[in-house]
C-alpha atoms as a PDB file:
ATOM      1  CA  MET A   1      84.276 105.028 193.512  1.00  0.00           C
ATOM      2  CA  THR A   2      83.970 101.532 192.492  1.00  0.00           C
ATOM      3  CA  ARG A   3      80.269 101.676 192.991  1.00  0.00           C
ATOM      4  CA  VAL A   4      80.086 104.654 190.826  1.00  0.00           C
ATOM      5  CA  MET A   5      82.232 102.861 188.235  1.00  0.00           C
ATOM      6  CA  HIS A   6      80.264  99.637 188.491  1.00  0.00           C
ATOM      7  CA  ARG A   7      76.906 101.534 188.135  1.00  0.00           C
ATOM      8  CA  PHE A   8      78.169 103.540 184.993  1.00  0.00           C
ATOM      9  CA  LEU A   9      79.128 100.277 183.081  1.00  0.00           C
ATOM     10  CA  ARG A  10      75.479  98.739 183.972  1.00  0.00           C
ATOM     11  CA  ASN A  11      73.714 101.610 182.849  1.00  0.00           C
ATOM     12  CA  ARG A  12      72.533 101.298 178.959  1.00  0.00           C
ATOM     13  CA  ASP A  13      72.300 105.181 178.618  1.00  0.00           C
ATOM     14  CA  ALA A  14      76.206 105.495 179.394  1.00  0.00           C
ATOM     15  CA  HIS A  15      76.707 103.026 176.332  1.00  0.00           C
ATOM     16  CA  THR A  16      74.390 105.115 174.124  1.00  0.00           C
ATOM     17  CA  ALA A  17      76.359 108.115 174.901  1.00  0.00           C
ATOM     18  CA  ILE A  18      79.903 106.307 174.540  1.00  0.00           C
ATOM     19  CA  GLU A  19      78.688 105.005 171.086  1.00  0.00           C
ATOM     20  CA  TYR A  20      77.479 108.455 169.973  1.00  0.00           C
ATOM     21  CA  SER A  21      80.756 110.139 170.962  1.00  0.00           C
ATOM     22  CA  MET A  22      82.637 107.468 168.990  1.00  0.00           C
ATOM     23  CA  ILE A  23      80.611 107.832 165.939  1.00  0.00           C
ATOM     24  CA  ALA A  24      81.368 111.897 166.473  1.00  0.00           C
ATOM     25  CA  ALA A  25      84.807 111.451 166.681  1.00  0.00           C
ATOM     26  CA  LEU A  26      84.958 109.454 163.662  1.00  0.00           C
ATOM     27  CA  ILE A  27      83.008 111.809 161.596  1.00  0.00           C
ATOM     28  CA  ALA A  28      85.253 114.499 162.879  1.00  0.00           C
ATOM     29  CA  ILE A  29      88.493 112.657 162.082  1.00  0.00           C
ATOM     30  CA  GLY A  30      86.959 112.335 158.349  1.00  0.00           C
ATOM     31  CA  ILE A  31      85.914 116.063 158.164  1.00  0.00           C
ATOM     32  CA  ILE A  32      89.540 116.793 159.288  1.00  0.00           C
ATOM     33  CA  ALA A  33      91.087 114.561 156.710  1.00  0.00           C
ATOM     34  CA  ALA A  34      89.028 115.656 153.782  1.00  0.00           C
ATOM     35  CA  ILE A  35      89.920 119.442 154.860  1.00  0.00           C
ATOM     36  CA  THR A  36      93.578 118.404 154.901  1.00  0.00           C
ATOM     37  CA  SER A  37      93.499 116.815 151.731  1.00  0.00           C
ATOM     38  CA  ILE A  38      91.582 119.456 149.873  1.00  0.00           C
ATOM     39  CA  GLY A  39      93.381 122.454 151.404  1.00  0.00           C
ATOM     40  CA  GLY A  40      96.572 122.200 149.346  1.00  0.00           C
ATOM     41  CA  SER A  41      94.722 122.101 146.099  1.00  0.00           C
ATOM     42  CA  VAL A  42      92.891 125.241 147.305  1.00  0.00           C
ATOM     43  CA  ALA A  43      95.945 126.995 148.272  1.00  0.00           C
ATOM     44  CA  ASP A  44      97.474 126.036 144.952  1.00  0.00           C
ATOM     45  CA  MET A  45      94.705 127.240 143.030  1.00  0.00           C
ATOM     46  CA  PHE A  46      94.580 130.698 144.691  1.00  0.00           C
ATOM     47  CA  ALA A  47      98.537 130.963 144.225  1.00  0.00           C
ATOM     48  CA  LYS A  48      97.860 130.506 140.531  1.00  0.00           C
ATOM     49  CA  LEU A  49      94.914 133.025 140.556  1.00  0.00           C
ATOM     50  CA  LEU A  50      97.072 135.672 142.303  1.00  0.00           C
ATOM     51  CA  PRO A  51      98.907 137.000 139.290  1.00  0.00           C
ATOM     52  CA  ALA A  52      95.945 137.398 137.314  1.00  0.00           C
ATOM     53  CA  PHE A  53      94.158 139.533 139.836  1.00  0.00           C
ATOM     54  CA  ALA A  54      97.433 141.524 140.083  1.00  0.00           C
ATOM     55  CA  GLU A  55      97.695 142.200 136.347  1.00  0.00           C
ATOM     56  CA  LYS A  56      94.106 143.521 136.368  1.00  0.00           C
ATOM     57  CA  ALA A  57      94.603 145.919 139.390  1.00  0.00           C
END
């Protein structure tokens, strides 16, 4: 097991894969944060629009 871990740490491809996975994780966190902050505004907008649609029906 130690040999496998040592070989993994020496491998440059492994470092690249880890870097790309960290970038993907940061992008995912940013998307989740954006959706969370926008979600409340969208919910409020639809709550205000719902009575207008109910009156027309």
